[in-house]
Amino acid sequence: MRYCLNTISLLFVLLFTSCATAVYVPLEILRPSETTLPDSLRTLAIVINTTERTPIEDEGEIIDAYNERQRLQIKRENLIPYFIKSISSSLKQASGKTLSVVSMQNDSVTEYILSNNKIQAIRDSLNADAVLSLDGLSVIPSIRLRQVDEALFFGDLDIAVRADLKLYMKDKYLPDVFSCKDTVSWQSYGETENRTLDRFPSFQNCLIDATSYSGYQVSKKFYPYIDNVDRFYFVTPYPLMKEANSYWNRGNYEDASYLWEYIYENTEKMDRKAKAAANMALYEELNDQYDSALDWVKKSLDIFMESPEKYSNYIEYLLEYQQQLNVRIQENRQMAF
């Protein structure tokens, strides 16, 4: 994938030391899906193969500021329609509007695997090319309260959503099995525990929002998707580094890379050399040269690792960056097929 470099916004957001600034670069990355739906697929039938609502034992819990647990029971409406609606919308959008999505309720729910006769009947009745069954939906809220001082409490509302699905294609004897897990969170505060609880949004609305959000994530199982990631590059008072940053801010990324590579090859100051190498890694990644980007990260790490205590922040970031580049290399190979 190629990136539109001239749309990157740059913000000075993090000062690692008094003489070096890390400049934040947000990137949009294309991620592969777990499986690929064929281009010939025109109609997908979603079958609700689970009970109408989450069982009462899954209602969740509340942990108060004294670490005592109690059952959290919330009067809720059926959440499955919201989940199905968001799946349908996200699949249509991910397919480029070429996919038609229809849904139906299975007349005998909780069949672990739908029979071939049942699948064929669904296809015939809905004129569907494939069937996606929703076999389970669990929506579990939990609240944790903590006391900061005598008159201030903080609260965290987490709603964990898990969906179990199976995809039945014409040419497969057994379906593909998928599990989607998400947790959506809200925060609140107040002078008392009750006031903190009252300041949360409507629990019902939070349940709907969390369920809908998780439904939108299902399309990532079947279509490539855009993921937002954070990157950084270094600026120092050294004249050539400042000039490279000036080029970068004007969109002259190649000119900035020439200076970074020159600094790496010619400077005797090791931390400057390491920062220039880290900057080169970002430039190469932006140009889809992931192997080269990984080499530059390793060069930078080798230098910083000579003084691990002094450069612990840089090392932590670069180790994570190295891991993400390895993932990108694997994903790029996956999408090439």
Protein backbone atom coordinates (compact mmCIF):
# COMPACT_ATOMS: atom_id res chain seq x y z
CA MET A 1 0.00 0.00 0.00
CA ARG A 2 1.15 3.52 -0.79
CA TYR A 3 0.57 6.38 1.64
CA CYS A 4 -0.40 9.92 0.78
CA LEU A 5 2.51 11.62 2.51
CA ASN A 6 1.33 15.17 1.98
CA THR A 7 -1.72 14.60 4.20
CA ILE A 8 0.26 13.64 7.29
CA SER A 9 -0.25 16.08 10.17
CA LEU A 10 2.70 16.64 12.46
CA LEU A 11 2.36 17.73 16.07
CA PHE A 12 5.08 18.40 18.63
CA VAL A 13 3.69 16.44 21.53
CA LEU A 14 6.47 14.70 23.41
CA LEU A 15 9.73 16.00 24.86
CA PHE A 16 12.06 13.14 25.72
CA THR A 17 14.95 15.39 26.78
CA SER A 18 15.74 19.07 26.87
CA CYS A 19 17.58 18.89 23.55
CA ALA A 20 15.53 16.36 21.54
CA THR A 21 11.91 16.44 20.53
CA ALA A 22 9.90 13.48 19.26
CA VAL A 23 7.39 14.60 16.65
CA TYR A 24 4.14 12.64 16.50
CA VAL A 25 3.10 11.19 13.13
CA PRO A 26 -0.32 9.48 12.85
CA LEU A 27 -0.49 6.80 10.16
CA GLU A 28 -3.32 4.88 8.55
CA ILE A 29 -2.33 1.27 7.86
CA LEU A 30 -4.15 -1.32 5.77
CA ARG A 31 -4.58 -4.53 7.76
CA PRO A 32 -5.55 -7.90 6.24
CA SER A 33 -8.69 -9.75 7.25
CA GLU A 34 -8.70 -13.24 8.79
CA THR A 35 -10.47 -14.65 5.75
CA THR A 36 -11.43 -13.27 2.36
CA LEU A 37 -14.94 -13.27 0.98
CA PRO A 38 -15.00 -14.03 -2.76
CA ASP A 39 -15.67 -11.17 -5.17
CA SER A 40 -18.58 -13.18 -6.56
CA LEU A 41 -20.42 -12.98 -3.21
CA ARG A 42 -23.48 -10.79 -3.68
CA THR A 43 -25.88 -11.74 -0.86
CA LEU A 44 -24.99 -12.77 2.69
CA ALA A 45 -27.63 -14.12 5.07
CA ILE A 46 -27.10 -13.50 8.79
CA VAL A 47 -28.89 -16.12 10.90
CA ILE A 48 -29.57 -15.38 14.57
CA ASN A 49 -28.76 -18.73 16.13
CA THR A 50 -28.75 -17.68 19.77
CA THR A 51 -31.16 -16.75 22.53
CA GLU A 52 -32.94 -13.40 22.55
CA ARG A 53 -30.82 -11.84 25.27
CA THR A 54 -27.81 -12.35 27.49
CA PRO A 55 -28.62 -14.61 30.49
CA ILE A 56 -29.09 -12.89 33.85
CA GLU A 57 -25.94 -14.54 35.25
CA ASP A 58 -23.92 -12.49 32.75
CA GLU A 59 -25.20 -9.17 34.06
CA GLY A 60 -21.77 -8.29 35.45
CA GLU A 61 -20.54 -6.87 38.73
CA ILE A 62 -19.73 -3.67 40.58
CA ILE A 63 -16.62 -3.29 42.73
CA ASP A 64 -16.89 -0.40 45.15
CA ALA A 65 -14.14 1.79 46.56
CA TYR A 66 -13.64 -0.66 49.43
CA ASN A 67 -13.04 -3.52 46.97
CA GLU A 68 -16.30 -5.24 47.82
CA ARG A 69 -18.15 -6.99 44.99
CA GLN A 70 -21.85 -7.04 44.30
CA ARG A 71 -24.04 -8.13 41.42
CA LEU A 72 -24.72 -5.43 38.84
CA GLN A 73 -28.18 -5.88 37.38
CA ILE A 74 -29.30 -3.57 34.60
CA LYS A 75 -32.75 -3.60 33.07
CA ARG A 76 -32.03 -3.86 29.37
CA GLU A 77 -33.80 -4.40 26.11
CA ASN A 78 -32.75 -7.02 23.58
CA LEU A 79 -29.32 -6.08 22.20
CA ILE A 80 -29.11 -8.58 19.33
CA PRO A 81 -30.91 -6.33 16.78
CA TYR A 82 -28.35 -3.56 17.37
CA PHE A 83 -25.52 -6.03 16.83
CA ILE A 84 -27.05 -7.42 13.62
CA LYS A 85 -27.72 -3.93 12.28
CA SER A 86 -24.11 -2.82 12.84
CA ILE A 87 -22.74 -6.05 11.26
CA SER A 88 -24.90 -5.48 8.20
CA SER A 89 -23.90 -1.82 7.87
CA SER A 90 -20.17 -2.48 8.32
CA LEU A 91 -20.12 -5.38 5.84
CA LYS A 92 -21.88 -3.32 3.19
CA GLN A 93 -19.47 -0.44 3.71
CA ALA A 94 -16.38 -2.68 3.68
CA SER A 95 -17.51 -4.39 0.46
CA GLY A 96 -17.85 -1.09 -1.35
CA LYS A 97 -21.67 -1.31 -1.30
CA THR A 98 -21.62 -4.40 -3.59
CA LEU A 99 -22.82 -6.79 -0.85
CA SER A 100 -26.45 -7.26 0.08
CA VAL A 101 -27.00 -8.42 3.69
CA VAL A 102 -30.23 -9.97 4.93
CA SER A 103 -31.03 -11.44 8.35
CA MET A 104 -33.40 -13.97 9.87
CA GLN A 105 -34.09 -15.75 13.16
CA ASN A 106 -33.33 -19.48 13.28
CA ASP A 107 -36.52 -21.34 14.28
CA SER A 108 -34.57 -23.72 16.56
CA VAL A 109 -31.76 -21.72 18.11
CA THR A 110 -28.45 -22.91 19.57
CA GLU A 111 -27.61 -25.55 16.95
CA TYR A 112 -23.83 -25.73 17.22
CA ILE A 113 -23.46 -26.37 13.49
CA LEU A 114 -26.34 -25.75 11.12
CA SER A 115 -27.13 -28.79 9.02
CA ASN A 116 -26.50 -28.83 5.28
CA ASN A 117 -30.25 -29.02 4.72
CA LYS A 118 -30.82 -25.99 6.94
CA ILE A 119 -28.11 -23.99 5.16
CA GLN A 120 -29.52 -24.90 1.75
CA ALA A 121 -33.02 -23.93 2.85
CA ILE A 122 -31.75 -20.55 4.09
CA ARG A 123 -29.90 -19.93 0.84
CA ASP A 124 -32.94 -20.82 -1.22
CA SER A 125 -35.39 -18.75 0.83
CA LEU A 126 -33.18 -15.65 0.93
CA ASN A 127 -31.37 -16.14 -2.38
CA ALA A 128 -28.09 -15.99 -0.44
CA ASP A 129 -24.61 -17.01 -1.59
CA ALA A 130 -23.32 -17.57 1.96
CA VAL A 131 -24.62 -17.77 5.52
CA LEU A 132 -23.18 -16.14 8.64
CA SER A 133 -24.65 -17.49 11.88
CA LEU A 134 -24.54 -15.58 15.16
CA ASP A 135 -24.22 -18.41 17.69
CA GLY A 136 -23.67 -16.38 20.83
CA LEU A 137 -23.65 -12.80 22.07
CA SER A 138 -22.44 -11.96 25.56
CA VAL A 139 -22.60 -8.35 26.83
CA ILE A 140 -21.17 -8.04 30.34
CA PRO A 141 -20.86 -4.66 32.11
CA SER A 142 -18.69 -4.05 35.15
CA ILE A 143 -18.05 -0.96 37.24
CA ARG A 144 -15.04 -0.25 39.41
CA LEU A 145 -15.06 2.67 41.85
CA ARG A 146 -11.98 4.06 43.57
CA GLN A 147 -11.63 6.79 46.17
CA VAL A 148 -8.96 9.39 45.47
CA ASP A 149 -9.48 11.47 48.61
CA GLU A 150 -12.22 12.15 51.13
CA ALA A 151 -14.48 13.93 48.66
CA LEU A 152 -13.53 12.53 45.26
CA PHE A 153 -14.34 9.18 43.66
CA PHE A 154 -13.50 7.91 40.18
CA GLY A 155 -15.45 5.25 38.33
CA ASP A 156 -14.75 3.04 35.30
CA LEU A 157 -17.58 1.38 33.40
CA ASP A 158 -16.36 -1.42 31.13
CA ILE A 159 -18.68 -3.33 28.84
CA ALA A 160 -17.17 -6.53 27.46
CA VAL A 161 -18.83 -7.90 24.33
CA ARG A 162 -18.14 -11.32 22.86
CA ALA A 163 -19.74 -12.69 19.71
CA ASP A 164 -19.37 -16.21 18.32
CA LEU A 165 -19.99 -16.62 14.60
CA LYS A 166 -19.71 -19.22 11.84
CA LEU A 167 -19.43 -18.60 8.11
CA TYR A 168 -20.95 -21.20 5.79
CA MET A 169 -19.68 -21.08 2.21
CA LYS A 170 -20.92 -23.26 -0.64
CA ASP A 171 -17.63 -25.00 -1.31
CA LYS A 172 -16.80 -25.86 2.35
CA TYR A 173 -17.92 -28.93 4.25
CA LEU A 174 -17.33 -27.28 7.65
CA PRO A 175 -17.86 -23.58 8.46
CA ASP A 176 -15.16 -21.09 9.40
CA VAL A 177 -15.43 -20.25 13.12
CA PHE A 178 -14.87 -16.71 14.42
CA SER A 179 -14.88 -15.05 17.82
CA CYS A 180 -15.00 -11.26 18.21
CA LYS A 181 -14.10 -9.66 21.54
CA ASP A 182 -14.22 -5.98 22.44
CA THR A 183 -14.37 -3.89 25.59
CA VAL A 184 -15.77 -0.36 25.51
CA SER A 185 -15.16 1.93 28.50
CA TRP A 186 -16.56 5.08 30.12
CA GLN A 187 -15.25 7.10 33.06
CA SER A 188 -16.97 9.20 35.69
CA TYR A 189 -16.25 11.06 38.94
CA GLY A 190 -18.16 12.46 41.88
CA GLU A 191 -18.12 13.51 45.52
CA THR A 192 -19.69 10.17 46.59
CA GLU A 193 -20.03 6.68 45.14
CA ASN A 194 -23.67 7.29 44.25
CA ARG A 195 -22.89 10.64 42.63
CA THR A 196 -20.14 8.96 40.58
CA LEU A 197 -22.58 6.28 39.42
CA ASP A 198 -25.19 8.91 38.55
CA ARG A 199 -22.74 10.74 36.30
CA PHE A 200 -22.31 7.78 33.97
CA PRO A 201 -24.37 7.99 30.77
CA SER A 202 -27.53 5.91 30.60
CA PHE A 203 -26.51 2.28 31.14
CA GLN A 204 -28.95 1.22 28.42
CA ASN A 205 -27.37 3.63 25.93
CA CYS A 206 -23.89 2.43 26.91
CA LEU A 207 -24.94 -1.19 26.33
CA ILE A 208 -26.34 -0.29 22.91
CA ASP A 209 -23.23 1.71 21.97
CA ALA A 210 -20.85 -1.07 23.05
CA THR A 211 -22.87 -3.73 21.23
CA SER A 212 -23.09 -1.65 18.06
CA TYR A 213 -19.37 -0.84 18.14
CA SER A 214 -18.52 -4.54 18.43
CA GLY A 215 -20.82 -5.33 15.53
CA TYR A 216 -18.92 -2.90 13.34
CA GLN A 217 -15.69 -4.77 14.12
CA VAL A 218 -17.02 -7.99 12.53
CA SER A 219 -16.30 -6.72 9.01
CA LYS A 220 -12.57 -6.78 9.90
CA LYS A 221 -12.81 -10.56 9.94
CA PHE A 222 -13.78 -10.60 6.26
CA TYR A 223 -12.39 -7.46 4.60
CA PRO A 224 -9.07 -5.59 4.87
CA TYR A 225 -9.43 -2.54 7.10
CA ILE A 226 -7.69 0.69 8.06
CA ASP A 227 -5.93 0.82 11.42
CA ASN A 228 -4.60 4.02 13.01
CA VAL A 229 -1.11 3.82 14.50
CA ASP A 230 1.33 6.28 16.07
CA ARG A 231 4.88 6.93 14.92
CA PHE A 232 7.56 9.44 15.96
CA TYR A 233 10.65 11.01 14.50
CA PHE A 234 13.41 12.96 16.23
CA VAL A 235 14.35 16.63 15.99
CA THR A 236 17.46 18.05 17.70
CA PRO A 237 19.12 21.51 17.73
CA TYR A 238 21.81 20.15 15.38
CA PRO A 239 21.51 22.33 12.21
CA LEU A 240 21.14 19.45 9.74
CA MET A 241 18.48 17.78 11.90
CA LYS A 242 16.57 21.09 12.08
CA GLU A 243 16.89 21.50 8.32
CA ALA A 244 15.59 17.96 7.76
CA ASN A 245 12.60 18.76 9.96
CA SER A 246 11.95 21.89 7.89
CA TYR A 247 11.93 19.79 4.71
CA TRP A 248 9.60 17.28 6.34
CA ASN A 249 7.14 19.94 7.44
CA ARG A 250 7.00 21.27 3.88
CA GLY A 251 6.32 17.79 2.50
CA ASN A 252 9.81 17.29 1.05
CA TYR A 253 10.19 13.87 2.66
CA GLU A 254 12.86 12.61 0.31
CA ASP A 255 15.07 15.64 0.95
CA ALA A 256 14.64 15.10 4.70
CA SER A 257 15.73 11.48 4.28
CA TYR A 258 18.88 12.53 2.38
CA LEU A 259 19.92 14.64 5.37
CA TRP A 260 19.12 11.92 7.92
CA GLU A 261 21.12 9.37 5.99
CA TYR A 262 24.01 11.85 5.62
CA ILE A 263 23.97 12.50 9.37
CA TYR A 264 24.00 8.78 10.12
CA GLU A 265 26.96 8.17 7.80
CA ASN A 266 29.06 11.16 8.84
CA THR A 267 28.39 12.23 12.41
CA GLU A 268 30.62 11.03 15.22
CA LYS A 269 28.04 11.76 17.91
CA MET A 270 26.41 8.39 18.56
CA ASP A 271 23.02 9.48 19.92
CA ARG A 272 22.60 11.78 16.90
CA LYS A 273 23.48 8.87 14.62
CA ALA A 274 20.88 6.69 16.38
CA LYS A 275 18.14 9.31 16.07
CA ALA A 276 18.87 9.79 12.38
CA ALA A 277 18.62 6.02 11.88
CA ALA A 278 15.27 5.92 13.68
CA ASN A 279 14.02 8.72 11.41
CA MET A 280 15.14 6.78 8.35
CA ALA A 281 13.06 3.82 9.55
CA LEU A 282 9.92 5.98 9.48
CA TYR A 283 10.73 7.28 6.00
CA GLU A 284 11.24 3.76 4.65
CA GLU A 285 8.00 2.54 6.24
CA LEU A 286 6.07 5.38 4.65
CA ASN A 287 7.40 4.18 1.30
CA ASP A 288 6.39 0.57 2.00
CA GLN A 289 10.02 -0.55 2.35
CA TYR A 290 9.40 -2.53 5.53
CA ASP A 291 12.55 -4.66 5.46
CA SER A 292 14.70 -1.55 5.06
CA ALA A 293 12.74 0.19 7.84
CA LEU A 294 13.42 -2.77 10.12
CA ASP A 295 17.15 -2.58 9.35
CA TRP A 296 17.22 1.10 10.32
CA VAL A 297 15.39 0.39 13.58
CA LYS A 298 17.97 -2.27 14.43
CA LYS A 299 20.81 0.15 13.69
CA SER A 300 19.25 2.74 15.98
CA LEU A 301 18.62 0.19 18.74
CA ASP A 302 22.19 -1.12 18.59
CA ILE A 303 23.48 2.35 19.40
CA PHE A 304 20.95 3.23 22.10
CA MET A 305 21.42 -0.16 23.79
CA GLU A 306 25.01 0.81 24.58
CA SER A 307 23.55 3.16 27.23
CA PRO A 308 20.24 1.50 28.19
CA GLU A 309 19.58 3.55 31.33
CA LYS A 310 20.15 6.86 29.60
CA TYR A 311 18.01 6.01 26.58
CA SER A 312 15.36 3.77 28.15
CA ASN A 313 12.46 5.78 26.64
CA TYR A 314 13.90 5.56 23.14
CA ILE A 315 14.65 1.85 23.52
CA GLU A 316 11.13 1.08 24.72
CA TYR A 317 9.60 2.86 21.73
CA LEU A 318 11.98 1.29 19.19
CA LEU A 319 11.46 -2.24 20.53
CA GLU A 320 7.72 -1.78 20.09
CA TYR A 321 8.29 -0.25 16.65
CA GLN A 322 10.46 -3.21 15.69
CA GLN A 323 7.69 -5.61 16.68
CA GLN A 324 5.11 -3.66 14.68
CA LEU A 325 7.33 -3.66 11.60
CA ASN A 326 7.70 -7.43 11.84
CA VAL A 327 3.91 -7.68 11.90
CA ARG A 328 3.66 -5.39 8.89
CA ILE A 329 6.12 -7.53 6.95
CA GLN A 330 4.03 -10.64 7.63
CA GLU A 331 0.79 -8.87 6.78
CA ASN A 332 2.24 -7.48 3.57
CA ARG A 333 3.20 -10.98 2.46
CA GLN A 334 -0.27 -12.21 3.37
CA MET A 335 -1.97 -9.50 1.30
CA ALA A 336 0.34 -10.15 -1.66
CA PHE A 337 -1.32 -13.52 -2.30
